[in-house]
């Protein structure tokens, strides 16, 4: 079941982390994934109290931690997981390396570090690649999660971001919305989420194309919502 909570701006997501998860009565043995914004000591302390595990992306908002992870001997580490897919005119190859970190990483409860590399190329330009390297940490030990499970949880998190956040950012151009006062932003965010959810329930994978389809005839939107 998906749940949400209102925030006034990007930075306030940090303060809403615990209140959002407080809506769930039992987090024991749940694996919580979160983006780099939530790589916070207070968050992992909260999750430890709730008996949950976590996988957190590490980026520039934690420069010291990010530098520590980048300095680990990744070249000597073999790939623990590898997969690829095609879509939107490009191919992406993902590899995941994992290291146990008993010491040297200044972050509470961190047991393993992950390096995820995403190599992309356009199908019409096979010799041109772009490579992105992302680091993550988890409190899960080797005996608690296999490499393919860790890689799968990270892919699942990115899939959510791509299906919801990217659609709101790109398709609905949310950041340039002129509705910025009162409860207007929260109302519009809820409406966008509702529209995305309604389309996804019908099996739609291309939200932009579906929006154009329904915009051409208002009756299509009514039929989608089962309104006659």
C-alpha atoms as a PDB file:
ATOM      1  CA  UNK A   1       0.000   0.000   0.000  1.00  0.00           C
ATOM      2  CA  UNK A   2       1.394   3.406  -0.933  1.00  0.00           C
ATOM      3  CA  UNK A   3       1.292   6.236   1.562  1.00  0.00           C
ATOM      4  CA  UNK A   4       2.192   9.899   1.381  1.00  0.00           C
ATOM      5  CA  UNK A   5       2.644  12.994   3.441  1.00  0.00           C
ATOM      6  CA  UNK A   6       2.620  16.675   2.526  1.00  0.00           C
ATOM      7  CA  UNK A   7       5.799  18.745   2.458  1.00  0.00           C
ATOM      8  CA  UNK A   8       6.308  22.427   1.777  1.00  0.00           C
ATOM      9  CA  UNK A   9       9.555  22.028  -0.172  1.00  0.00           C
ATOM     10  CA  UNK A  10      12.353  19.670  -1.040  1.00  0.00           C
ATOM     11  CA  UNK A  11      14.374  20.187   2.146  1.00  0.00           C
ATOM     12  CA  UNK A  12      11.375  19.497   4.378  1.00  0.00           C
ATOM     13  CA  UNK A  13      11.274  15.884   3.183  1.00  0.00           C
ATOM     14  CA  UNK A  14      13.906  15.171   5.838  1.00  0.00           C
ATOM     15  CA  UNK A  15      11.611  16.202   8.680  1.00  0.00           C
ATOM     16  CA  UNK A  16       8.725  14.149   7.261  1.00  0.00           C
ATOM     17  CA  UNK A  17      10.672  10.877   7.137  1.00  0.00           C
ATOM     18  CA  UNK A  18       9.691   9.576  10.583  1.00  0.00           C
ATOM     19  CA  UNK A  19       6.075  10.900  10.516  1.00  0.00           C
ATOM     20  CA  UNK A  20       5.504   9.133   7.193  1.00  0.00           C
ATOM     21  CA  UNK A  21       6.832   5.802   8.463  1.00  0.00           C
ATOM     22  CA  UNK A  22       4.948   6.240  11.749  1.00  0.00           C
ATOM     23  CA  UNK A  23       1.819   5.529   9.699  1.00  0.00           C
ATOM     24  CA  UNK A  24       3.012   1.924   9.396  1.00  0.00           C
ATOM     25  CA  UNK A  25       2.393  -0.066  12.554  1.00  0.00           C
ATOM     26  CA  UNK A  26       5.151  -2.649  12.085  1.00  0.00           C
ATOM     27  CA  UNK A  27       8.503  -2.149  10.337  1.00  0.00           C
ATOM     28  CA  UNK A  28      10.318  -5.115  11.847  1.00  0.00           C
ATOM     29  CA  UNK A  29      12.579  -6.824   9.274  1.00  0.00           C
ATOM     30  CA  UNK A  30      11.353  -4.442   6.559  1.00  0.00           C
ATOM     31  CA  UNK A  31      14.006  -3.122   4.164  1.00  0.00           C
ATOM     32  CA  UNK A  32      13.596   0.628   3.652  1.00  0.00           C
ATOM     33  CA  UNK A  33      15.234   2.200   0.602  1.00  0.00           C
ATOM     34  CA  UNK A  34      15.693   5.957   0.307  1.00  0.00           C
ATOM     35  CA  UNK A  35      17.499   8.448  -1.878  1.00  0.00           C
ATOM     36  CA  UNK A  36      20.544  10.493  -0.877  1.00  0.00           C
ATOM     37  CA  UNK A  37      18.509  13.217   0.812  1.00  0.00           C
ATOM     38  CA  UNK A  38      17.611  10.760   3.569  1.00  0.00           C
ATOM     39  CA  UNK A  39      21.129   9.529   4.258  1.00  0.00           C
ATOM     40  CA  UNK A  40      20.901  10.970   7.772  1.00  0.00           C
ATOM     41  CA  UNK A  41      22.111   9.618  11.118  1.00  0.00           C
ATOM     42  CA  UNK A  42      18.768  10.471  12.719  1.00  0.00           C
ATOM     43  CA  UNK A  43      16.955   8.382  10.135  1.00  0.00           C
ATOM     44  CA  UNK A  44      19.024   5.229  10.689  1.00  0.00           C
ATOM     45  CA  UNK A  45      18.627   5.653  14.463  1.00  0.00           C
ATOM     46  CA  UNK A  46      14.848   5.818  13.967  1.00  0.00           C
ATOM     47  CA  UNK A  47      14.861   2.724  11.735  1.00  0.00           C
ATOM     48  CA  UNK A  48      16.980   0.813  14.261  1.00  0.00           C
ATOM     49  CA  UNK A  49      14.418   1.600  16.961  1.00  0.00           C
ATOM     50  CA  UNK A  50      11.661   0.294  14.695  1.00  0.00           C
ATOM     51  CA  UNK A  51      13.589  -2.903  13.893  1.00  0.00           C
ATOM     52  CA  UNK A  52      13.883  -2.074  10.189  1.00  0.00           C
ATOM     53  CA  UNK A  53      16.829  -2.453   7.803  1.00  0.00           C
ATOM     54  CA  UNK A  54      17.880   0.162   5.270  1.00  0.00           C
ATOM     55  CA  UNK A  55      19.702   0.833   1.997  1.00  0.00           C
ATOM     56  CA  UNK A  56      20.640   4.486   1.451  1.00  0.00           C
ATOM     57  CA  UNK A  57      22.100   6.181  -1.596  1.00  0.00           C
ATOM     58  CA  UNK A  58      25.094   8.427  -0.871  1.00  0.00           C
ATOM     59  CA  UNK A  59      25.740  11.565  -2.930  1.00  0.00           C
ATOM     60  CA  UNK A  60      27.139  15.063  -2.588  1.00  0.00           C
ATOM     61  CA  UNK A  61      25.032  16.054   0.422  1.00  0.00           C
ATOM     62  CA  UNK A  62      27.329  13.753   2.438  1.00  0.00           C
ATOM     63  CA  UNK A  63      30.717  14.717   0.913  1.00  0.00           C
ATOM     64  CA  UNK A  64      32.921  13.086   3.549  1.00  0.00           C
ATOM     65  CA  UNK A  65      31.002   9.809   3.456  1.00  0.00           C
ATOM     66  CA  UNK A  66      30.892   9.869  -0.347  1.00  0.00           C
ATOM     67  CA  UNK A  67      34.678  10.368  -0.491  1.00  0.00           C
ATOM     68  CA  UNK A  68      35.221   7.459   1.906  1.00  0.00           C
ATOM     69  CA  UNK A  69      33.140   5.177  -0.280  1.00  0.00           C
ATOM     70  CA  UNK A  70      34.863   6.301  -3.475  1.00  0.00           C
ATOM     71  CA  UNK A  71      38.268   5.501  -1.951  1.00  0.00           C
ATOM     72  CA  UNK A  72      37.408   1.868  -1.237  1.00  0.00           C
ATOM     73  CA  UNK A  73      39.357  -0.677  -3.371  1.00  0.00           C
ATOM     74  CA  UNK A  74      36.574  -1.228  -5.891  1.00  0.00           C
ATOM     75  CA  UNK A  75      38.914  -2.254  -8.721  1.00  0.00           C
ATOM     76  CA  UNK A  76      39.820  -5.385  -6.802  1.00  0.00           C
ATOM     77  CA  UNK A  77      36.172  -6.298  -6.235  1.00  0.00           C
ATOM     78  CA  UNK A  78      34.393  -8.525  -8.784  1.00  0.00           C
ATOM     79  CA  UNK A  79      30.864  -7.759  -9.931  1.00  0.00           C
ATOM     80  CA  UNK A  80      28.332  -9.258  -7.537  1.00  0.00           C
ATOM     81  CA  UNK A  81      25.370  -8.676  -9.860  1.00  0.00           C
ATOM     82  CA  UNK A  82      24.880  -7.614 -13.459  1.00  0.00           C
ATOM     83  CA  UNK A  83      21.821  -6.983 -15.610  1.00  0.00           C
ATOM     84  CA  UNK A  84      20.725  -4.992 -18.625  1.00  0.00           C
ATOM     85  CA  UNK A  85      17.584  -3.785 -20.332  1.00  0.00           C
ATOM     86  CA  UNK A  86      16.409  -1.824 -23.340  1.00  0.00           C
ATOM     87  CA  UNK A  87      13.824   0.896 -23.575  1.00  0.00           C
ATOM     88  CA  UNK A  88      13.193   4.428 -24.844  1.00  0.00           C
ATOM     89  CA  UNK A  89      15.718   3.932 -27.635  1.00  0.00           C
ATOM     90  CA  UNK A  90      18.649   3.027 -25.414  1.00  0.00           C
ATOM     91  CA  UNK A  91      20.310   0.119 -23.672  1.00  0.00           C
ATOM     92  CA  UNK A  92      21.492   0.220 -20.065  1.00  0.00           C
ATOM     93  CA  UNK A  93      23.949  -2.163 -18.424  1.00  0.00           C
ATOM     94  CA  UNK A  94      24.075  -2.154 -14.607  1.00  0.00           C
ATOM     95  CA  UNK A  95      26.745  -3.735 -12.441  1.00  0.00           C
ATOM     96  CA  UNK A  96      26.850  -3.908  -8.668  1.00  0.00           C
ATOM     97  CA  UNK A  97      29.901  -4.454  -6.446  1.00  0.00           C
ATOM     98  CA  UNK A  98      29.614  -5.033  -2.701  1.00  0.00           C
ATOM     99  CA  UNK A  99      32.146  -4.698   0.125  1.00  0.00           C
ATOM    100  CA  UNK A 100      31.814  -5.485   3.805  1.00  0.00           C
ATOM    101  CA  UNK A 101      32.892  -2.452   5.836  1.00  0.00           C
ATOM    102  CA  UNK A 102      33.732  -3.376   9.404  1.00  0.00           C
ATOM    103  CA  UNK A 103      35.674  -0.139   9.878  1.00  0.00           C
ATOM    104  CA  UNK A 104      36.666   3.037   8.095  1.00  0.00           C
ATOM    105  CA  UNK A 105      33.197   4.295   7.195  1.00  0.00           C
ATOM    106  CA  UNK A 106      31.968   7.035   9.465  1.00  0.00           C
ATOM    107  CA  UNK A 107      28.275   6.180   9.505  1.00  0.00           C
ATOM    108  CA  UNK A 108      26.363   4.308  12.224  1.00  0.00           C
ATOM    109  CA  UNK A 109      25.341   0.676  11.655  1.00  0.00           C
ATOM    110  CA  UNK A 110      26.783   0.589   8.094  1.00  0.00           C
ATOM    111  CA  UNK A 111      27.739  -3.025   7.363  1.00  0.00           C
ATOM    112  CA  UNK A 112      28.190  -3.102   3.588  1.00  0.00           C
ATOM    113  CA  UNK A 113      28.988  -0.609   0.849  1.00  0.00           C
ATOM    114  CA  UNK A 114      27.734  -0.860  -2.724  1.00  0.00           C
ATOM    115  CA  UNK A 115      29.025   0.587  -5.963  1.00  0.00           C
ATOM    116  CA  UNK A 116      26.462   0.632  -8.756  1.00  0.00           C
ATOM    117  CA  UNK A 117      27.585   1.546 -12.263  1.00  0.00           C
ATOM    118  CA  UNK A 118      25.055   2.332 -14.960  1.00  0.00           C
ATOM    119  CA  UNK A 119      26.381   2.372 -18.502  1.00  0.00           C
ATOM    120  CA  UNK A 120      23.961   3.657 -21.141  1.00  0.00           C
ATOM    121  CA  UNK A 121      24.083   3.944 -24.895  1.00  0.00           C
ATOM    122  CA  UNK A 122      21.583   5.033 -27.497  1.00  0.00           C
ATOM    123  CA  UNK A 123      20.656   2.255 -29.884  1.00  0.00           C
ATOM    124  CA  UNK A 124      21.215   4.560 -32.857  1.00  0.00           C
ATOM    125  CA  UNK A 125      24.684   5.544 -31.564  1.00  0.00           C
ATOM    126  CA  UNK A 126      26.237   2.240 -30.382  1.00  0.00           C
ATOM    127  CA  UNK A 127      29.722   3.654 -29.846  1.00  0.00           C
ATOM    128  CA  UNK A 128      28.683   6.483 -27.523  1.00  0.00           C
ATOM    129  CA  UNK A 129      28.350   5.521 -23.850  1.00  0.00           C
ATOM    130  CA  UNK A 130      27.617   7.493 -20.719  1.00  0.00           C
ATOM    131  CA  UNK A 131      28.597   6.019 -17.359  1.00  0.00           C
ATOM    132  CA  UNK A 132      27.182   6.918 -13.950  1.00  0.00           C
ATOM    133  CA  UNK A 133      28.631   5.606 -10.686  1.00  0.00           C
ATOM    134  CA  UNK A 134      26.444   5.605  -7.577  1.00  0.00           C
ATOM    135  CA  UNK A 135      27.332   4.537  -4.046  1.00  0.00           C
ATOM    136  CA  UNK A 136      25.069   3.173  -1.349  1.00  0.00           C
ATOM    137  CA  UNK A 137      25.356   1.767   2.167  1.00  0.00           C
ATOM    138  CA  UNK A 138      23.265  -0.717   4.106  1.00  0.00           C
ATOM    139  CA  UNK A 139      23.039  -2.138   7.595  1.00  0.00           C
ATOM    140  CA  UNK A 140      22.376  -5.595   6.136  1.00  0.00           C
ATOM    141  CA  UNK A 141      25.211  -8.081   6.601  1.00  0.00           C
ATOM    142  CA  UNK A 142      26.346 -10.665   4.075  1.00  0.00           C
ATOM    143  CA  UNK A 143      24.362 -13.457   5.731  1.00  0.00           C
ATOM    144  CA  UNK A 144      21.167 -11.358   5.717  1.00  0.00           C
ATOM    145  CA  UNK A 145      20.886 -10.497   2.016  1.00  0.00           C
ATOM    146  CA  UNK A 146      22.342 -11.973  -1.144  1.00  0.00           C
ATOM    147  CA  UNK A 147      23.938  -9.594  -3.705  1.00  0.00           C
ATOM    148  CA  UNK A 148      21.084 -10.070  -6.164  1.00  0.00           C
ATOM    149  CA  UNK A 149      18.605  -9.079  -3.439  1.00  0.00           C
ATOM    150  CA  UNK A 150      20.488  -5.853  -2.684  1.00  0.00           C
ATOM    151  CA  UNK A 151      20.730  -5.035  -6.386  1.00  0.00           C
ATOM    152  CA  UNK A 152      17.036  -5.825  -6.823  1.00  0.00           C
ATOM    153  CA  UNK A 153      15.974  -3.528  -3.987  1.00  0.00           C
ATOM    154  CA  UNK A 154      18.009  -0.687  -5.463  1.00  0.00           C
ATOM    155  CA  UNK A 155      16.515  -1.272  -8.913  1.00  0.00           C
ATOM    156  CA  UNK A 156      13.070  -1.278  -7.353  1.00  0.00           C
ATOM    157  CA  UNK A 157      13.747   2.063  -5.684  1.00  0.00           C
ATOM    158  CA  UNK A 158      14.964   3.607  -8.939  1.00  0.00           C
ATOM    159  CA  UNK A 159      11.927   2.190 -10.719  1.00  0.00           C
ATOM    160  CA  UNK A 160       9.658   4.060  -8.307  1.00  0.00           C
ATOM    161  CA  UNK A 161      11.591   7.274  -8.876  1.00  0.00           C
ATOM    162  CA  UNK A 162      11.406   6.828 -12.641  1.00  0.00           C
ATOM    163  CA  UNK A 163       7.701   5.986 -12.674  1.00  0.00           C
ATOM    164  CA  UNK A 164       6.529   8.712 -10.306  1.00  0.00           C
ATOM    165  CA  UNK A 165       9.105  11.428  -9.685  1.00  0.00           C
ATOM    166  CA  UNK A 166      10.444  11.564 -13.224  1.00  0.00           C
ATOM    167  CA  UNK A 167       6.930  11.712 -14.649  1.00  0.00           C
ATOM    168  CA  UNK A 168       6.076  14.598 -12.321  1.00  0.00           C
ATOM    169  CA  UNK A 169       9.358  16.384 -13.045  1.00  0.00           C
ATOM    170  CA  UNK A 170       9.452  15.886 -16.817  1.00  0.00           C
ATOM    171  CA  UNK A 171       5.975  15.085 -18.138  1.00  0.00           C
ATOM    172  CA  UNK A 172       4.115  17.477 -15.822  1.00  0.00           C
ATOM    173  CA  UNK A 173       7.042  19.951 -15.541  1.00  0.00           C
ATOM    174  CA  UNK A 174       6.238  20.298 -11.847  1.00  0.00           C
ATOM    175  CA  UNK A 175       9.225  22.470 -10.924  1.00  0.00           C
ATOM    176  CA  UNK A 176       7.984  25.284 -13.199  1.00  0.00           C
ATOM    177  CA  UNK A 177       4.441  25.269 -11.888  1.00  0.00           C
ATOM    178  CA  UNK A 178       3.165  28.771 -11.106  1.00  0.00           C
ATOM    179  CA  UNK A 179       0.920  27.477  -8.317  1.00  0.00           C
ATOM    180  CA  UNK A 180       3.045  28.236  -5.250  1.00  0.00           C
ATOM    181  CA  UNK A 181       0.859  29.771  -2.566  1.00  0.00           C
ATOM    182  CA  UNK A 182      -1.251  28.309   0.224  1.00  0.00           C
ATOM    183  CA  UNK A 183      -2.166  24.658  -0.155  1.00  0.00           C
ATOM    184  CA  UNK A 184      -2.099  24.927  -3.959  1.00  0.00           C
ATOM    185  CA  UNK A 185       1.186  22.984  -4.446  1.00  0.00           C
ATOM    186  CA  UNK A 186      -0.002  20.108  -2.241  1.00  0.00           C
ATOM    187  CA  UNK A 187      -3.358  19.958  -4.042  1.00  0.00           C
ATOM    188  CA  UNK A 188      -1.698  19.894  -7.463  1.00  0.00           C
ATOM    189  CA  UNK A 189       0.797  17.236  -6.367  1.00  0.00           C
ATOM    190  CA  UNK A 190      -2.098  15.076  -5.159  1.00  0.00           C
ATOM    191  CA  UNK A 191      -3.957  15.577  -8.450  1.00  0.00           C
ATOM    192  CA  UNK A 192      -0.864  14.639 -10.469  1.00  0.00           C
ATOM    193  CA  UNK A 193      -0.344  11.519  -8.366  1.00  0.00           C
ATOM    194  CA  UNK A 194      -4.012  10.606  -8.785  1.00  0.00           C
ATOM    195  CA  UNK A 195      -3.789  11.039 -12.559  1.00  0.00           C
ATOM    196  CA  UNK A 196      -0.618   8.934 -12.755  1.00  0.00           C
ATOM    197  CA  UNK A 197      -2.170   6.241 -10.565  1.00  0.00           C
ATOM    198  CA  UNK A 198      -5.380   6.109 -12.591  1.00  0.00           C
ATOM    199  CA  UNK A 199      -3.439   5.701 -15.834  1.00  0.00           C
ATOM    200  CA  UNK A 200      -1.064   3.087 -14.380  1.00  0.00           C
ATOM    201  CA  UNK A 201      -4.029   0.996 -13.204  1.00  0.00           C
ATOM    202  CA  UNK A 202      -5.133   0.660 -16.837  1.00  0.00           C
ATOM    203  CA  UNK A 203      -1.690  -0.614 -17.860  1.00  0.00           C
ATOM    204  CA  UNK A 204      -0.382   2.653 -19.308  1.00  0.00           C
ATOM    205  CA  UNK A 205       3.420   2.832 -19.522  1.00  0.00           C
ATOM    206  CA  UNK A 206       3.778   6.106 -21.438  1.00  0.00           C
ATOM    207  CA  UNK A 207       2.086   8.817 -19.351  1.00  0.00           C
ATOM    208  CA  UNK A 208       2.843  11.625 -21.820  1.00  0.00           C
ATOM    209  CA  UNK A 209       1.172   9.757 -24.695  1.00  0.00           C
ATOM    210  CA  UNK A 210      -1.790   8.863 -22.476  1.00  0.00           C
ATOM    211  CA  UNK A 211      -2.221  12.519 -21.481  1.00  0.00           C
ATOM    212  CA  UNK A 212      -2.330  13.546 -25.140  1.00  0.00           C
ATOM    213  CA  UNK A 213      -4.822  10.778 -25.902  1.00  0.00           C
ATOM    214  CA  UNK A 214      -7.222  11.865 -23.153  1.00  0.00           C
ATOM    215  CA  UNK A 215      -6.781  15.577 -23.869  1.00  0.00           C
ATOM    216  CA  UNK A 216      -8.210  15.094 -27.368  1.00  0.00           C
ATOM    217  CA  UNK A 217     -11.599  13.997 -26.012  1.00  0.00           C
ATOM    218  CA  UNK A 218     -12.869  14.858 -22.518  1.00  0.00           C
ATOM    219  CA  UNK A 219     -15.156  11.821 -22.573  1.00  0.00           C
ATOM    220  CA  UNK A 220     -12.087   9.580 -22.477  1.00  0.00           C
ATOM    221  CA  UNK A 221     -11.120  10.936 -19.062  1.00  0.00           C
ATOM    222  CA  UNK A 222     -14.653  10.388 -17.779  1.00  0.00           C
ATOM    223  CA  UNK A 223     -14.592   6.816 -19.057  1.00  0.00           C
ATOM    224  CA  UNK A 224     -11.206   6.226 -17.422  1.00  0.00           C
ATOM    225  CA  UNK A 225     -12.672   7.257 -14.071  1.00  0.00           C
ATOM    226  CA  UNK A 226     -15.867   5.278 -14.721  1.00  0.00           C
ATOM    227  CA  UNK A 227     -17.949   8.485 -14.691  1.00  0.00           C
ATOM    228  CA  UNK A 228     -20.967   8.483 -16.975  1.00  0.00           C
END
